[in-house]
C-alpha cells in the first residue's frame, strides 16, 4: 500500500496564504519539521521535542511514485479519499489539482468543511500532482505549466516573471504525462468515474489548465481556472486559442474562471504589475464569441481578494459549481 501523506510533506499548505502559488514566489515546501525555540532559562524541559515526535499523517491519503515514462522525470501523485469512499461501492468523480503541496490539504479541508456529507458538495476522490521530485516549486512549474519558451522571442529579459536559469515550454509533455501515466493509475487502483474529471489550477496552474483546454479539451469534463497567468509570453495563450478556433467547430467543456479584484494594475500593495483581470475577461469574451455549442463558461471577479488570498474562495465556488450536492444547501 502506498504511504500516507504526512503533515511534514504537506507543510507548504499550512503556509498557503503566505505563498499561494504567486508567479513571483519560488520557494519549495519545507522538508523537515520546524524546530521549536529553546526553553527559557529555568523553564521545565518539554516532555518531547518535535524531532522525537512522529509526523502527523493525513487520514485516507496515499502517495504514489509515478515517473514520466517518456522523460524519466520523477513525480509523486497524492491521492486523498473521502470517508464515504469506504462506506459504499459507487464510483466517485475525481478532482485533479496542480501544486499538490498546498492544493491537497486545502481542497480536502474544504470538502470536509463545506460538503455536509454530500448534501452541499458531492464527495470526490482528490488527486494532487506534485512538482518534480527534488526540485523547487518555481523551476518545476515554469517548465511543466508553460506552453512556450519566452526567451525564444527577441527582447525578453530576465525579471521576476522570467528567469534564464529555468526551463520553459514543456506543458505539452506534462499534459501527455498526466494522460498517459497518471490517469491509468487512478483508473486501475481507485473506484472512480473517469468521465467526471475536474481540473483545478491557480496562476501558472491556471495557465496550464487553459492550455489543456485548448489542446486536449476532453481530458477533463470541468476546468476550474483560478487567476490564470494569461500574461505569460506576451499573452501567447490567445494565439493558442485562435489556432484551436481555426481547426474546430466545438469546445466541449465546462469552464469556471475566477480571479481577485486586486489582480490588476494599481498603486496599492495588493495590486499586480499586469492586468490579469482584463486578460481573464478578454479570454472569456473570446471563447464566448466562438459560439461553441458544447462550451459552458462561468466567471467571477472576487472583491477584496488578491493573487495570494483568492484561492480558497475560487476553489470553494468552483467545486460547488462543478460538483453540487444532493441539496438543499445548508450553511450551518
C-alpha atoms as a PDB file:
ATOM      1  CA  UNK A   1       0.000   0.000   0.000  1.00  0.00           C
ATOM      2  CA  UNK A   2       1.394   3.443  -0.868  1.00  0.00           C
ATOM      3  CA  UNK A   3       2.429   5.581   2.137  1.00  0.00           C
ATOM      4  CA  UNK A   4       0.115   8.220   3.559  1.00  0.00           C
ATOM      5  CA  UNK A   5       0.757  11.919   3.166  1.00  0.00           C
ATOM      6  CA  UNK A   6       2.371  13.292   6.311  1.00  0.00           C
ATOM      7  CA  UNK A   7       1.907  16.730   7.730  1.00  0.00           C
ATOM      8  CA  UNK A   8       5.586  17.327   7.034  1.00  0.00           C
ATOM      9  CA  UNK A   9       5.100  16.580   3.346  1.00  0.00           C
ATOM     10  CA  UNK A  10       2.081  18.882   3.257  1.00  0.00           C
ATOM     11  CA  UNK A  11       3.712  21.681   5.236  1.00  0.00           C
ATOM     12  CA  UNK A  12       3.530  24.049   2.294  1.00  0.00           C
ATOM     13  CA  UNK A  13      -0.262  24.054   2.571  1.00  0.00           C
ATOM     14  CA  UNK A  14      -0.144  25.317   6.139  1.00  0.00           C
ATOM     15  CA  UNK A  15       1.687  28.349   4.790  1.00  0.00           C
ATOM     16  CA  UNK A  16      -0.666  28.652   1.849  1.00  0.00           C
ATOM     17  CA  UNK A  17      -1.799  32.220   2.441  1.00  0.00           C
ATOM     18  CA  UNK A  18       1.830  33.258   2.575  1.00  0.00           C
ATOM     19  CA  UNK A  19       2.751  31.570  -0.699  1.00  0.00           C
ATOM     20  CA  UNK A  20      -0.316  30.718  -2.733  1.00  0.00           C
ATOM     21  CA  UNK A  21       1.456  29.919  -5.994  1.00  0.00           C
ATOM     22  CA  UNK A  22       2.237  33.530  -6.785  1.00  0.00           C
ATOM     23  CA  UNK A  23       4.214  33.580 -10.007  1.00  0.00           C
ATOM     24  CA  UNK A  24       6.893  35.657  -8.341  1.00  0.00           C
ATOM     25  CA  UNK A  25       7.468  33.237  -5.466  1.00  0.00           C
ATOM     26  CA  UNK A  26       9.895  30.350  -5.937  1.00  0.00           C
ATOM     27  CA  UNK A  27      10.195  28.660  -2.582  1.00  0.00           C
ATOM     28  CA  UNK A  28       9.685  24.955  -2.079  1.00  0.00           C
ATOM     29  CA  UNK A  29       7.774  23.387   0.807  1.00  0.00           C
ATOM     30  CA  UNK A  30       9.755  22.617   3.980  1.00  0.00           C
ATOM     31  CA  UNK A  31      11.242  19.141   4.003  1.00  0.00           C
ATOM     32  CA  UNK A  32      11.518  18.781   7.788  1.00  0.00           C
ATOM     33  CA  UNK A  33       9.533  19.976  10.796  1.00  0.00           C
ATOM     34  CA  UNK A  34      10.273  23.478  12.064  1.00  0.00           C
ATOM     35  CA  UNK A  35      12.141  23.187  15.365  1.00  0.00           C
ATOM     36  CA  UNK A  36      10.675  24.803  18.455  1.00  0.00           C
ATOM     37  CA  UNK A  37      12.693  27.554  20.194  1.00  0.00           C
ATOM     38  CA  UNK A  38      14.822  26.596  23.160  1.00  0.00           C
ATOM     39  CA  UNK A  39      13.063  26.859  26.555  1.00  0.00           C
ATOM     40  CA  UNK A  40      13.737  29.935  28.659  1.00  0.00           C
ATOM     41  CA  UNK A  41      16.317  29.589  31.468  1.00  0.00           C
ATOM     42  CA  UNK A  42      14.789  27.815  34.416  1.00  0.00           C
ATOM     43  CA  UNK A  43      11.824  26.545  32.473  1.00  0.00           C
ATOM     44  CA  UNK A  44      10.932  22.875  32.602  1.00  0.00           C
ATOM     45  CA  UNK A  45      12.183  20.859  29.664  1.00  0.00           C
ATOM     46  CA  UNK A  46       9.428  19.738  27.273  1.00  0.00           C
ATOM     47  CA  UNK A  47       8.258  16.170  27.570  1.00  0.00           C
ATOM     48  CA  UNK A  48       9.143  15.566  23.935  1.00  0.00           C
ATOM     49  CA  UNK A  49      10.646  17.558  21.109  1.00  0.00           C
ATOM     50  CA  UNK A  50       9.349  17.905  17.543  1.00  0.00           C
ATOM     51  CA  UNK A  51      12.294  15.852  16.367  1.00  0.00           C
ATOM     52  CA  UNK A  52      11.280  12.941  18.602  1.00  0.00           C
ATOM     53  CA  UNK A  53       7.553  13.145  17.864  1.00  0.00           C
ATOM     54  CA  UNK A  54       6.187  11.172  14.905  1.00  0.00           C
ATOM     55  CA  UNK A  55       4.760  13.091  11.934  1.00  0.00           C
ATOM     56  CA  UNK A  56       1.010  13.547  11.742  1.00  0.00           C
ATOM     57  CA  UNK A  57      -0.393  11.589   8.810  1.00  0.00           C
ATOM     58  CA  UNK A  58      -3.385  12.852   6.870  1.00  0.00           C
ATOM     59  CA  UNK A  59      -6.087  10.155   7.083  1.00  0.00           C
ATOM     60  CA  UNK A  60      -7.166   8.267   3.960  1.00  0.00           C
ATOM     61  CA  UNK A  61      -4.267   9.501   1.847  1.00  0.00           C
ATOM     62  CA  UNK A  62      -1.788   7.684  -0.382  1.00  0.00           C
ATOM     63  CA  UNK A  63       1.405   8.739  -2.151  1.00  0.00           C
ATOM     64  CA  UNK A  64       2.325   7.052  -5.442  1.00  0.00           C
ATOM     65  CA  UNK A  65       5.670   7.416  -7.198  1.00  0.00           C
ATOM     66  CA  UNK A  66       4.668   7.981 -10.829  1.00  0.00           C
ATOM     67  CA  UNK A  67       7.593   8.869 -13.101  1.00  0.00           C
ATOM     68  CA  UNK A  68       7.122  10.276 -16.556  1.00  0.00           C
ATOM     69  CA  UNK A  69       7.659   7.200 -18.718  1.00  0.00           C
ATOM     70  CA  UNK A  70       8.676   9.350 -21.704  1.00  0.00           C
ATOM     71  CA  UNK A  71      11.279  11.561 -19.981  1.00  0.00           C
ATOM     72  CA  UNK A  72      12.194   9.614 -16.838  1.00  0.00           C
ATOM     73  CA  UNK A  73      11.473  12.687 -14.712  1.00  0.00           C
ATOM     74  CA  UNK A  74      10.229  11.694 -11.259  1.00  0.00           C
ATOM     75  CA  UNK A  75       6.945  12.874  -9.764  1.00  0.00           C
ATOM     76  CA  UNK A  76       4.564  11.873  -6.983  1.00  0.00           C
ATOM     77  CA  UNK A  77       0.800  11.586  -7.183  1.00  0.00           C
ATOM     78  CA  UNK A  78      -1.037  12.244  -3.919  1.00  0.00           C
ATOM     79  CA  UNK A  79      -4.461  10.642  -3.517  1.00  0.00           C
ATOM     80  CA  UNK A  80      -6.989  11.569  -0.839  1.00  0.00           C
ATOM     81  CA  UNK A  81     -10.163   9.524  -0.326  1.00  0.00           C
ATOM     82  CA  UNK A  82     -13.306  10.884   1.349  1.00  0.00           C
ATOM     83  CA  UNK A  83     -14.553   8.937   4.394  1.00  0.00           C
ATOM     84  CA  UNK A  84     -17.658   7.875   2.479  1.00  0.00           C
ATOM     85  CA  UNK A  85     -15.460   6.002  -0.023  1.00  0.00           C
ATOM     86  CA  UNK A  86     -15.238   3.140   2.483  1.00  0.00           C
ATOM     87  CA  UNK A  87     -18.984   3.037   3.103  1.00  0.00           C
ATOM     88  CA  UNK A  88     -20.299   2.153  -0.363  1.00  0.00           C
ATOM     89  CA  UNK A  89     -19.254   0.730  -3.730  1.00  0.00           C
ATOM     90  CA  UNK A  90     -20.203   3.566  -6.084  1.00  0.00           C
ATOM     91  CA  UNK A  91     -17.686   5.300  -8.376  1.00  0.00           C
ATOM     92  CA  UNK A  92     -16.549   8.800  -7.439  1.00  0.00           C
ATOM     93  CA  UNK A  93     -15.735  11.841  -9.539  1.00  0.00           C
ATOM     94  CA  UNK A  94     -12.068  12.837  -9.463  1.00  0.00           C
ATOM     95  CA  UNK A  95     -10.604  16.277  -8.772  1.00  0.00           C
ATOM     96  CA  UNK A  96      -7.051  16.787 -10.043  1.00  0.00           C
ATOM     97  CA  UNK A  97      -5.071  19.687  -8.614  1.00  0.00           C
ATOM     98  CA  UNK A  98      -1.684  21.047  -9.564  1.00  0.00           C
ATOM     99  CA  UNK A  99       0.626  22.360  -6.816  1.00  0.00           C
ATOM    100  CA  UNK A 100      -0.161  19.326  -4.673  1.00  0.00           C
ATOM    101  CA  UNK A 101       1.729  20.552  -1.613  1.00  0.00           C
ATOM    102  CA  UNK A 102      -0.921  23.144  -0.802  1.00  0.00           C
ATOM    103  CA  UNK A 103      -3.726  22.077  -3.135  1.00  0.00           C
ATOM    104  CA  UNK A 104      -4.364  18.701  -1.499  1.00  0.00           C
ATOM    105  CA  UNK A 105      -4.592  19.819   2.162  1.00  0.00           C
ATOM    106  CA  UNK A 106      -6.628  22.882   1.202  1.00  0.00           C
ATOM    107  CA  UNK A 107      -9.138  21.094  -1.034  1.00  0.00           C
ATOM    108  CA  UNK A 108      -9.579  18.109   1.284  1.00  0.00           C
ATOM    109  CA  UNK A 109     -10.311  20.530   4.133  1.00  0.00           C
ATOM    110  CA  UNK A 110     -12.845  22.457   2.057  1.00  0.00           C
ATOM    111  CA  UNK A 111     -14.540  19.196   1.050  1.00  0.00           C
ATOM    112  CA  UNK A 112     -14.897  18.171   4.690  1.00  0.00           C
ATOM    113  CA  UNK A 113     -15.967  21.611   5.911  1.00  0.00           C
ATOM    114  CA  UNK A 114     -18.417  22.506   3.140  1.00  0.00           C
ATOM    115  CA  UNK A 115     -19.567  19.144   1.815  1.00  0.00           C
ATOM    116  CA  UNK A 116     -22.063  18.261   4.553  1.00  0.00           C
ATOM    117  CA  UNK A 117     -21.636  14.569   3.656  1.00  0.00           C
ATOM    118  CA  UNK A 118     -22.673  15.144   0.071  1.00  0.00           C
ATOM    119  CA  UNK A 119     -25.572  17.488   0.735  1.00  0.00           C
ATOM    120  CA  UNK A 120     -23.772  20.692  -0.273  1.00  0.00           C
ATOM    121  CA  UNK A 121     -20.927  19.222  -2.311  1.00  0.00           C
ATOM    122  CA  UNK A 122     -20.658  15.802  -3.888  1.00  0.00           C
ATOM    123  CA  UNK A 123     -17.871  13.701  -2.396  1.00  0.00           C
ATOM    124  CA  UNK A 124     -14.914  13.123  -4.696  1.00  0.00           C
ATOM    125  CA  UNK A 125     -11.523  11.473  -4.876  1.00  0.00           C
ATOM    126  CA  UNK A 126      -8.784  14.104  -4.787  1.00  0.00           C
ATOM    127  CA  UNK A 127      -5.561  13.686  -6.786  1.00  0.00           C
ATOM    128  CA  UNK A 128      -2.603  16.021  -6.264  1.00  0.00           C
ATOM    129  CA  UNK A 129       0.076  16.422  -8.935  1.00  0.00           C
ATOM    130  CA  UNK A 130       3.456  17.108  -7.361  1.00  0.00           C
ATOM    131  CA  UNK A 131       6.368  19.160  -8.587  1.00  0.00           C
ATOM    132  CA  UNK A 132       9.373  17.276  -9.893  1.00  0.00           C
ATOM    133  CA  UNK A 133      10.950  15.264  -7.083  1.00  0.00           C
ATOM    134  CA  UNK A 134      13.928  17.107  -5.610  1.00  0.00           C
ATOM    135  CA  UNK A 135      13.055  20.328  -7.425  1.00  0.00           C
ATOM    136  CA  UNK A 136      11.971  23.675  -6.067  1.00  0.00           C
ATOM    137  CA  UNK A 137       8.433  24.670  -6.949  1.00  0.00           C
ATOM    138  CA  UNK A 138       9.043  27.580  -9.311  1.00  0.00           C
ATOM    139  CA  UNK A 139      11.532  25.919 -11.688  1.00  0.00           C
ATOM    140  CA  UNK A 140       9.257  22.868 -11.846  1.00  0.00           C
ATOM    141  CA  UNK A 141       6.178  24.972 -12.591  1.00  0.00           C
ATOM    142  CA  UNK A 142       7.922  27.163 -15.136  1.00  0.00           C
ATOM    143  CA  UNK A 143       8.936  24.060 -17.061  1.00  0.00           C
ATOM    144  CA  UNK A 144       5.787  21.956 -16.769  1.00  0.00           C
ATOM    145  CA  UNK A 145       2.986  24.529 -16.699  1.00  0.00           C
ATOM    146  CA  UNK A 146       4.101  26.812 -19.557  1.00  0.00           C
ATOM    147  CA  UNK A 147       3.412  26.188 -23.263  1.00  0.00           C
ATOM    148  CA  UNK A 148       6.322  28.143 -24.767  1.00  0.00           C
ATOM    149  CA  UNK A 149       9.783  29.491 -24.012  1.00  0.00           C
ATOM    150  CA  UNK A 150       9.562  33.290 -23.642  1.00  0.00           C
ATOM    151  CA  UNK A 151      13.292  33.644 -24.262  1.00  0.00           C
ATOM    152  CA  UNK A 152      12.757  32.363 -27.800  1.00  0.00           C
ATOM    153  CA  UNK A 153      11.275  35.785 -28.541  1.00  0.00           C
ATOM    154  CA  UNK A 154      13.742  38.623 -29.147  1.00  0.00           C
ATOM    155  CA  UNK A 155      13.850  41.185 -26.389  1.00  0.00           C
ATOM    156  CA  UNK A 156      12.687  39.028 -23.480  1.00  0.00           C
ATOM    157  CA  UNK A 157      14.661  39.954 -20.370  1.00  0.00           C
ATOM    158  CA  UNK A 158      15.152  38.171 -17.060  1.00  0.00           C
ATOM    159  CA  UNK A 159      12.760  39.500 -14.414  1.00  0.00           C
ATOM    160  CA  UNK A 160      10.612  38.369 -11.506  1.00  0.00           C
ATOM    161  CA  UNK A 161       8.397  36.668 -14.096  1.00  0.00           C
ATOM    162  CA  UNK A 162      11.143  35.054 -16.212  1.00  0.00           C
ATOM    163  CA  UNK A 163      14.484  33.526 -15.279  1.00  0.00           C
ATOM    164  CA  UNK A 164      17.152  32.362 -17.693  1.00  0.00           C
ATOM    165  CA  UNK A 165      18.147  29.781 -15.093  1.00  0.00           C
ATOM    166  CA  UNK A 166      14.879  27.907 -15.639  1.00  0.00           C
ATOM    167  CA  UNK A 167      13.455  25.777 -18.437  1.00  0.00           C
ATOM    168  CA  UNK A 168      10.161  26.727 -20.074  1.00  0.00           C
ATOM    169  CA  UNK A 169       7.696  25.380 -22.583  1.00  0.00           C
ATOM    170  CA  UNK A 170       7.129  21.730 -21.664  1.00  0.00           C
ATOM    171  CA  UNK A 171       3.385  21.922 -20.986  1.00  0.00           C
ATOM    172  CA  UNK A 172       2.645  19.509 -23.830  1.00  0.00           C
ATOM    173  CA  UNK A 173       4.953  16.878 -22.321  1.00  0.00           C
ATOM    174  CA  UNK A 174       3.434  17.355 -18.868  1.00  0.00           C
ATOM    175  CA  UNK A 175      -0.105  17.176 -20.280  1.00  0.00           C
ATOM    176  CA  UNK A 176       0.760  13.916 -22.009  1.00  0.00           C
ATOM    177  CA  UNK A 177       2.335  12.583 -18.799  1.00  0.00           C
ATOM    178  CA  UNK A 178      -0.914  13.132 -16.916  1.00  0.00           C
ATOM    179  CA  UNK A 179      -2.953  11.431 -19.620  1.00  0.00           C
ATOM    180  CA  UNK A 180      -0.541   8.550 -20.251  1.00  0.00           C
ATOM    181  CA  UNK A 181       0.844   7.789 -16.768  1.00  0.00           C
ATOM    182  CA  UNK A 182      -1.417   9.322 -14.113  1.00  0.00           C
ATOM    183  CA  UNK A 183      -4.902   8.642 -15.480  1.00  0.00           C
ATOM    184  CA  UNK A 184      -4.405   4.862 -15.902  1.00  0.00           C
ATOM    185  CA  UNK A 185      -3.050   4.522 -12.366  1.00  0.00           C
ATOM    186  CA  UNK A 186      -6.035   6.311 -10.851  1.00  0.00           C
ATOM    187  CA  UNK A 187      -8.493   4.355 -13.008  1.00  0.00           C
ATOM    188  CA  UNK A 188      -6.973   0.993 -12.095  1.00  0.00           C
ATOM    189  CA  UNK A 189      -6.366   1.472  -8.381  1.00  0.00           C
ATOM    190  CA  UNK A 190      -9.372   3.520  -7.282  1.00  0.00           C
ATOM    191  CA  UNK A 191     -13.135   3.317  -7.660  1.00  0.00           C
ATOM    192  CA  UNK A 192     -13.625   6.413  -9.792  1.00  0.00           C
ATOM    193  CA  UNK A 193     -15.709   7.678 -12.681  1.00  0.00           C
ATOM    194  CA  UNK A 194     -13.076   8.851 -15.159  1.00  0.00           C
ATOM    195  CA  UNK A 195     -15.779  10.505 -17.260  1.00  0.00           C
ATOM    196  CA  UNK A 196     -16.071  13.102 -14.488  1.00  0.00           C
ATOM    197  CA  UNK A 197     -12.612  14.572 -14.074  1.00  0.00           C
ATOM    198  CA  UNK A 198     -12.320  18.095 -12.661  1.00  0.00           C
ATOM    199  CA  UNK A 199      -9.142  20.124 -13.150  1.00  0.00           C
ATOM    200  CA  UNK A 200      -8.091  22.751 -10.586  1.00  0.00           C
ATOM    201  CA  UNK A 201      -5.196  25.113 -11.255  1.00  0.00           C
ATOM    202  CA  UNK A 202      -4.144  28.541  -9.985  1.00  0.00           C
ATOM    203  CA  UNK A 203      -1.786  31.123 -11.509  1.00  0.00           C
ATOM    204  CA  UNK A 204       0.646  29.168 -13.705  1.00  0.00           C
ATOM    205  CA  UNK A 205      -1.555  26.162 -12.921  1.00  0.00           C
ATOM    206  CA  UNK A 206      -4.441  28.146 -14.407  1.00  0.00           C
ATOM    207  CA  UNK A 207      -2.328  28.846 -17.479  1.00  0.00           C
ATOM    208  CA  UNK A 208      -1.589  25.138 -17.837  1.00  0.00           C
ATOM    209  CA  UNK A 209      -5.278  24.300 -17.488  1.00  0.00           C
ATOM    210  CA  UNK A 210      -6.074  26.823 -20.231  1.00  0.00           C
ATOM    211  CA  UNK A 211      -3.503  25.117 -22.443  1.00  0.00           C
ATOM    212  CA  UNK A 212      -5.018  21.667 -21.847  1.00  0.00           C
ATOM    213  CA  UNK A 213      -8.481  23.098 -22.514  1.00  0.00           C
ATOM    214  CA  UNK A 214      -7.354  24.407 -25.908  1.00  0.00           C
ATOM    215  CA  UNK A 215      -5.272  21.405 -26.981  1.00  0.00           C
ATOM    216  CA  UNK A 216      -6.990  18.328 -25.477  1.00  0.00           C
ATOM    217  CA  UNK A 217     -10.264  19.599 -24.001  1.00  0.00           C
ATOM    218  CA  UNK A 218     -11.702  16.119 -23.439  1.00  0.00           C
ATOM    219  CA  UNK A 219      -9.021  15.304 -20.856  1.00  0.00           C
ATOM    220  CA  UNK A 220     -11.275  16.854 -18.197  1.00  0.00           C
ATOM    221  CA  UNK A 221     -15.011  17.398 -18.009  1.00  0.00           C
ATOM    222  CA  UNK A 222     -14.666  20.557 -15.880  1.00  0.00           C
ATOM    223  CA  UNK A 223     -11.941  23.187 -15.640  1.00  0.00           C
ATOM    224  CA  UNK A 224     -11.582  25.431 -12.577  1.00  0.00           C
ATOM    225  CA  UNK A 225      -9.048  28.050 -13.656  1.00  0.00           C
ATOM    226  CA  UNK A 226      -8.047  30.410 -10.865  1.00  0.00           C
ATOM    227  CA  UNK A 227      -6.167  33.626 -11.681  1.00  0.00           C
ATOM    228  CA  UNK A 228      -4.748  32.151 -14.892  1.00  0.00           C
ATOM    229  CA  UNK A 229      -1.404  33.675 -15.900  1.00  0.00           C
ATOM    230  CA  UNK A 230      -2.594  34.640 -19.375  1.00  0.00           C
ATOM    231  CA  UNK A 231       0.035  37.411 -19.439  1.00  0.00           C
ATOM    232  CA  UNK A 232       2.710  34.734 -19.979  1.00  0.00           C
ATOM    233  CA  UNK A 233       4.957  35.098 -23.053  1.00  0.00           C
ATOM    234  CA  UNK A 234       3.174  38.145 -24.424  1.00  0.00           C
ATOM    235  CA  UNK A 235      -0.229  36.524 -23.975  1.00  0.00           C
ATOM    236  CA  UNK A 236       0.614  33.563 -26.166  1.00  0.00           C
ATOM    237  CA  UNK A 237      -2.470  31.692 -24.941  1.00  0.00           C
ATOM    238  CA  UNK A 238      -4.620  33.907 -27.141  1.00  0.00           C
ATOM    239  CA  UNK A 239      -2.615  32.643 -30.117  1.00  0.00           C
ATOM    240  CA  UNK A 240      -3.246  29.062 -28.948  1.00  0.00           C
ATOM    241  CA  UNK A 241      -6.958  29.857 -28.720  1.00  0.00           C
ATOM    242  CA  UNK A 242      -7.039  31.336 -32.232  1.00  0.00           C
ATOM    243  CA  UNK A 243      -5.280  28.266 -33.621  1.00  0.00           C
ATOM    244  CA  UNK A 244      -7.831  25.998 -31.931  1.00  0.00           C
ATOM    245  CA  UNK A 245     -10.723  28.047 -33.327  1.00  0.00           C
ATOM    246  CA  UNK A 246      -9.404  27.757 -36.872  1.00  0.00           C
ATOM    247  CA  UNK A 247      -9.457  23.954 -36.685  1.00  0.00           C
ATOM    248  CA  UNK A 248     -12.535  23.181 -34.570  1.00  0.00           C
ATOM    249  CA  UNK A 249     -16.259  23.893 -34.527  1.00  0.00           C
ATOM    250  CA  UNK A 250     -16.811  22.945 -30.882  1.00  0.00           C
ATOM    251  CA  UNK A 251     -15.108  23.090 -27.485  1.00  0.00           C
ATOM    252  CA  UNK A 252     -16.907  20.541 -25.292  1.00  0.00           C
ATOM    253  CA  UNK A 253     -16.074  21.573 -21.724  1.00  0.00           C
ATOM    254  CA  UNK A 254     -17.410  23.269 -18.619  1.00  0.00           C
ATOM    255  CA  UNK A 255     -15.122  26.140 -17.597  1.00  0.00           C
ATOM    256  CA  UNK A 256     -15.099  28.183 -14.391  1.00  0.00           C
ATOM    257  CA  UNK A 257     -12.895  31.290 -14.340  1.00  0.00           C
ATOM    258  CA  UNK A 258     -12.176  33.120 -11.083  1.00  0.00           C
ATOM    259  CA  UNK A 259      -9.869  35.962 -10.078  1.00  0.00           C
ATOM    260  CA  UNK A 260      -9.428  38.535  -7.320  1.00  0.00           C
ATOM    261  CA  UNK A 261     -10.420  42.136  -7.932  1.00  0.00           C
ATOM    262  CA  UNK A 262      -6.939  43.319  -6.893  1.00  0.00           C
ATOM    263  CA  UNK A 263      -5.278  41.275  -9.653  1.00  0.00           C
ATOM    264  CA  UNK A 264      -4.885  44.267 -11.913  1.00  0.00           C
ATOM    265  CA  UNK A 265      -2.697  47.327 -12.135  1.00  0.00           C
ATOM    266  CA  UNK A 266      -2.928  49.806  -9.280  1.00  0.00           C
ATOM    267  CA  UNK A 267      -0.980  51.774  -6.730  1.00  0.00           C
ATOM    268  CA  UNK A 268      -1.733  49.629  -3.698  1.00  0.00           C
ATOM    269  CA  UNK A 269       0.449  46.843  -2.293  1.00  0.00           C
ATOM    270  CA  UNK A 270      -2.114  44.197  -3.210  1.00  0.00           C
ATOM    271  CA  UNK A 271      -2.277  45.148  -6.887  1.00  0.00           C
ATOM    272  CA  UNK A 272      -0.358  43.491  -9.727  1.00  0.00           C
ATOM    273  CA  UNK A 273       2.095  44.749 -12.293  1.00  0.00           C
ATOM    274  CA  UNK A 274      -0.172  43.493 -15.077  1.00  0.00           C
ATOM    275  CA  UNK A 275      -3.905  43.434 -15.730  1.00  0.00           C
ATOM    276  CA  UNK A 276      -4.804  39.803 -15.023  1.00  0.00           C
ATOM    277  CA  UNK A 277      -8.464  40.726 -14.537  1.00  0.00           C
ATOM    278  CA  UNK A 278      -8.568  42.253 -18.014  1.00  0.00           C
ATOM    279  CA  UNK A 279      -6.818  39.223 -19.510  1.00  0.00           C
ATOM    280  CA  UNK A 280      -9.292  36.805 -17.960  1.00  0.00           C
ATOM    281  CA  UNK A 281     -12.260  38.913 -19.051  1.00  0.00           C
ATOM    282  CA  UNK A 282     -10.928  39.037 -22.603  1.00  0.00           C
ATOM    283  CA  UNK A 283     -10.309  35.274 -22.578  1.00  0.00           C
ATOM    284  CA  UNK A 284     -13.922  34.608 -21.616  1.00  0.00           C
ATOM    285  CA  UNK A 285     -15.229  37.057 -24.224  1.00  0.00           C
ATOM    286  CA  UNK A 286     -13.178  35.451 -26.988  1.00  0.00           C
ATOM    287  CA  UNK A 287     -14.357  31.957 -26.057  1.00  0.00           C
ATOM    288  CA  UNK A 288     -17.979  33.120 -25.888  1.00  0.00           C
ATOM    289  CA  UNK A 289     -17.668  34.778 -29.287  1.00  0.00           C
ATOM    290  CA  UNK A 290     -16.874  31.415 -30.918  1.00  0.00           C
ATOM    291  CA  UNK A 291     -20.371  30.162 -30.044  1.00  0.00           C
ATOM    292  CA  UNK A 292     -19.164  26.632 -29.395  1.00  0.00           C
ATOM    293  CA  UNK A 293     -22.279  24.524 -28.759  1.00  0.00           C
ATOM    294  CA  UNK A 294     -20.603  22.334 -26.125  1.00  0.00           C
ATOM    295  CA  UNK A 295     -18.901  25.102 -24.133  1.00  0.00           C
ATOM    296  CA  UNK A 296     -20.413  26.244 -20.869  1.00  0.00           C
ATOM    297  CA  UNK A 297     -18.438  29.006 -19.187  1.00  0.00           C
ATOM    298  CA  UNK A 298     -18.866  30.986 -15.996  1.00  0.00           C
ATOM    299  CA  UNK A 299     -16.664  33.636 -14.423  1.00  0.00           C
ATOM    300  CA  UNK A 300     -16.347  35.733 -11.301  1.00  0.00           C
ATOM    301  CA  UNK A 301     -14.217  38.628 -10.056  1.00  0.00           C
ATOM    302  CA  UNK A 302     -13.977  38.384  -6.279  1.00  0.00           C
ATOM    303  CA  UNK A 303     -13.921  41.697  -4.387  1.00  0.00           C
ATOM    304  CA  UNK A 304     -11.365  42.090  -1.618  1.00  0.00           C
ATOM    305  CA  UNK A 305      -9.081  39.332  -2.907  1.00  0.00           C
ATOM    306  CA  UNK A 306      -5.581  39.464  -4.355  1.00  0.00           C
ATOM    307  CA  UNK A 307      -3.372  36.878  -6.043  1.00  0.00           C
ATOM    308  CA  UNK A 308      -2.395  35.285  -2.740  1.00  0.00           C
ATOM    309  CA  UNK A 309      -5.716  35.326  -0.877  1.00  0.00           C
ATOM    310  CA  UNK A 310      -8.161  34.406  -3.641  1.00  0.00           C
ATOM    311  CA  UNK A 311      -7.631  30.659  -3.996  1.00  0.00           C
ATOM    312  CA  UNK A 312      -9.764  29.288  -1.119  1.00  0.00           C
ATOM    313  CA  UNK A 313     -12.801  31.187  -2.421  1.00  0.00           C
ATOM    314  CA  UNK A 314     -12.058  30.233  -6.019  1.00  0.00           C
ATOM    315  CA  UNK A 315     -11.896  26.546  -5.157  1.00  0.00           C
ATOM    316  CA  UNK A 316     -14.977  26.708  -2.941  1.00  0.00           C
ATOM    317  CA  UNK A 317     -17.100  28.347  -5.625  1.00  0.00           C
ATOM    318  CA  UNK A 318     -15.629  26.205  -8.384  1.00  0.00           C
ATOM    319  CA  UNK A 319     -16.300  22.908  -6.623  1.00  0.00           C
ATOM    320  CA  UNK A 320     -19.864  23.907  -5.722  1.00  0.00           C
ATOM    321  CA  UNK A 321     -20.350  24.721  -9.423  1.00  0.00           C
ATOM    322  CA  UNK A 322     -18.739  21.525 -10.753  1.00  0.00           C
ATOM    323  CA  UNK A 323     -19.954  19.010  -8.151  1.00  0.00           C
ATOM    324  CA  UNK A 324     -23.131  20.259  -6.491  1.00  0.00           C
ATOM    325  CA  UNK A 325     -24.512  18.081  -3.714  1.00  0.00           C
ATOM    326  CA  UNK A 326     -27.884  16.470  -3.358  1.00  0.00           C
ATOM    327  CA  UNK A 327     -29.273  19.583  -1.635  1.00  0.00           C
ATOM    328  CA  UNK A 328     -30.911  21.513  -0.271  1.00  0.00           C
ATOM    329  CA  UNK A 329     -27.790  23.526   0.608  1.00  0.00           C
ATOM    330  CA  UNK A 330     -27.215  24.263   4.268  1.00  0.00           C
ATOM    331  CA  UNK A 331     -24.775  26.815   5.629  1.00  0.00           C
ATOM    332  CA  UNK A 332     -24.901  25.615   9.200  1.00  0.00           C
END
